[in-house]
Protein backbone atom coordinates (compact mmCIF):
# COMPACT_ATOMS: atom_id res chain seq x y z
CA MET A 1 0.00 0.00 0.00
CA LYS A 2 1.06 3.57 -0.51
CA ILE A 3 1.36 6.18 2.24
CA LYS A 4 -1.58 8.11 0.79
CA ASP A 5 -3.81 5.03 1.32
CA TYR A 6 -3.50 5.29 5.11
CA SER A 7 -5.20 7.52 7.63
CA ILE A 8 -4.79 7.93 11.36
CA ILE A 9 -7.35 6.75 13.89
CA GLU A 10 -6.57 7.30 17.53
CA THR A 11 -6.53 3.95 19.30
CA GLU A 12 -7.71 5.60 22.52
CA PHE A 13 -10.82 6.93 20.75
CA ILE A 14 -11.70 3.45 19.46
CA GLU A 15 -11.17 1.94 22.93
CA GLU A 16 -13.45 4.57 24.53
CA GLU A 17 -16.15 3.94 21.94
CA ILE A 18 -15.96 0.17 22.51
CA VAL A 19 -16.37 0.66 26.28
CA TYR A 20 -19.28 3.07 25.66
CA GLN A 21 -21.07 0.57 23.41
CA GLU A 22 -20.51 -2.27 25.89
CA LYS A 23 -22.04 -0.13 28.65
CA THR A 24 -24.93 0.81 26.35
CA ILE A 25 -25.64 -2.86 25.67
CA GLU A 26 -25.63 -3.64 29.39
CA ALA A 27 -27.94 -0.69 30.13
CA ILE A 28 -30.41 -1.80 27.46
CA LYS A 29 -30.36 -5.38 28.74
CA LYS A 30 -30.96 -4.10 32.29
CA ALA A 31 -33.86 -1.93 31.09
CA ILE A 32 -35.41 -4.91 29.31
CA ASN A 33 -35.14 -7.09 32.41
CA GLU A 34 -36.27 -4.46 34.93
CA ASN A 35 -38.82 -2.41 33.02
CA TRP A 36 -40.28 -5.05 30.78
CA LYS A 37 -39.71 -8.12 32.98
CA GLY A 38 -37.95 -9.83 30.10
CA LYS A 39 -40.91 -9.50 27.73
CA TYR A 40 -40.21 -8.85 24.09
CA ASP A 41 -40.22 -5.18 23.24
CA TYR A 42 -39.48 -4.19 19.65
CA GLU A 43 -37.97 -0.78 20.52
CA HIS A 44 -35.57 -2.16 23.12
CA SER A 45 -34.75 -5.08 20.86
CA LEU A 46 -33.90 -2.71 18.02
CA GLU A 47 -31.73 -0.55 20.31
CA LEU A 48 -29.90 -3.66 21.51
CA GLU A 49 -29.25 -4.91 17.99
CA ASN A 50 -28.04 -1.47 16.87
CA ALA A 51 -25.65 -1.24 19.84
CA LYS A 52 -24.34 -4.75 19.10
CA ALA A 53 -23.80 -3.83 15.45
CA LYS A 54 -21.89 -0.67 16.41
CA LEU A 55 -19.76 -2.67 18.84
CA SER A 56 -19.00 -5.22 16.15
CA VAL A 57 -17.91 -2.52 13.68
CA LEU A 58 -15.70 -0.85 16.30
CA LYS A 59 -14.01 -4.15 17.15
CA LYS A 60 -13.46 -4.87 13.46
CA ILE A 61 -11.88 -1.42 12.98
CA LYS A 62 -9.69 -1.99 16.03
CA SER A 63 -8.51 -5.33 14.63
CA LYS A 64 -7.43 -3.59 11.41
CA LEU A 65 -5.38 -0.85 13.11
CA LYS A 66 -1.66 -1.03 12.49
CA PRO A 67 1.00 0.59 14.65
CA LEU A 68 1.99 3.89 13.08
CA THR A 69 5.62 3.27 14.03
CA GLU A 70 5.83 0.30 11.70
CA ILE A 71 4.17 2.19 8.86
CA VAL A 72 6.53 5.16 9.23
CA GLU A 73 9.61 2.95 9.50
CA ASN A 74 8.59 1.00 6.41
CA ALA A 75 7.88 4.21 4.54
CA LEU A 76 11.26 5.66 5.50
CA ASP A 77 13.05 2.48 4.48
CA ALA A 78 11.22 2.42 1.16
CA GLY A 79 11.91 6.12 0.75
CA LYS A 80 15.63 5.60 1.26
CA LEU A 81 15.65 2.95 -1.44
CA SER A 82 13.72 5.05 -3.91
CA GLU A 83 15.13 8.41 -2.81
CA GLN A 84 17.59 8.62 -5.67
CA ASN A 85 14.87 7.96 -8.25
CA ALA A 86 12.47 10.45 -6.66
CA TYR A 87 15.06 13.21 -6.59
CA LEU A 88 16.30 12.50 -10.10
CA SER A 89 12.82 12.95 -11.53
CA SER A 90 12.63 16.36 -13.08
CA GLY A 91 9.51 18.49 -13.20
CA ILE A 92 7.70 16.42 -10.53
CA ASP A 93 6.87 17.70 -7.05
CA ARG A 94 9.24 15.50 -5.02
CA LYS A 95 7.16 15.49 -1.84
CA GLN A 96 3.95 14.55 -3.68
CA ASP A 97 5.86 11.99 -5.73
CA TYR A 98 7.15 10.40 -2.51
CA ILE A 99 3.66 10.30 -0.97
CA ASN A 100 2.05 8.91 -4.10
CA ASN A 101 4.66 6.26 -4.87
CA THR A 102 6.19 5.06 -1.61
CA GLU A 103 5.07 1.55 -0.68
CA VAL A 104 4.56 0.62 2.97
C-alpha cells in the first residue's frame, strides 16, 4: 500500500467507543429485564441490535489498526531505497511523488 492510502485513527478513541457501546448494551439489557420483565419489546430489541452492530464494527476497525511506528519505519526504508529515483525525476513535485509512490 502507498502512504496516501493510510489515515490515522486514535486507538484511545476506538477503545473509549468500545467501552461506551458495551455499557450501552448492558444498560439496554438491564432496562429490558427491569422495566419489561424480560418480555419482548421491539424498541428495546432494536436498540440492543443497533448497539451490538456498532460494537461489532468498532471491534473490526480496532482489529485492522496497524501501529503507526511500523508504517513510518517501512515508509522511511522504502523512501531511502527510492530516494535517488524520486530526486532524479525532473519536473515532478518530489514530496507529492514520494507520498504517491512510496510503498509501505
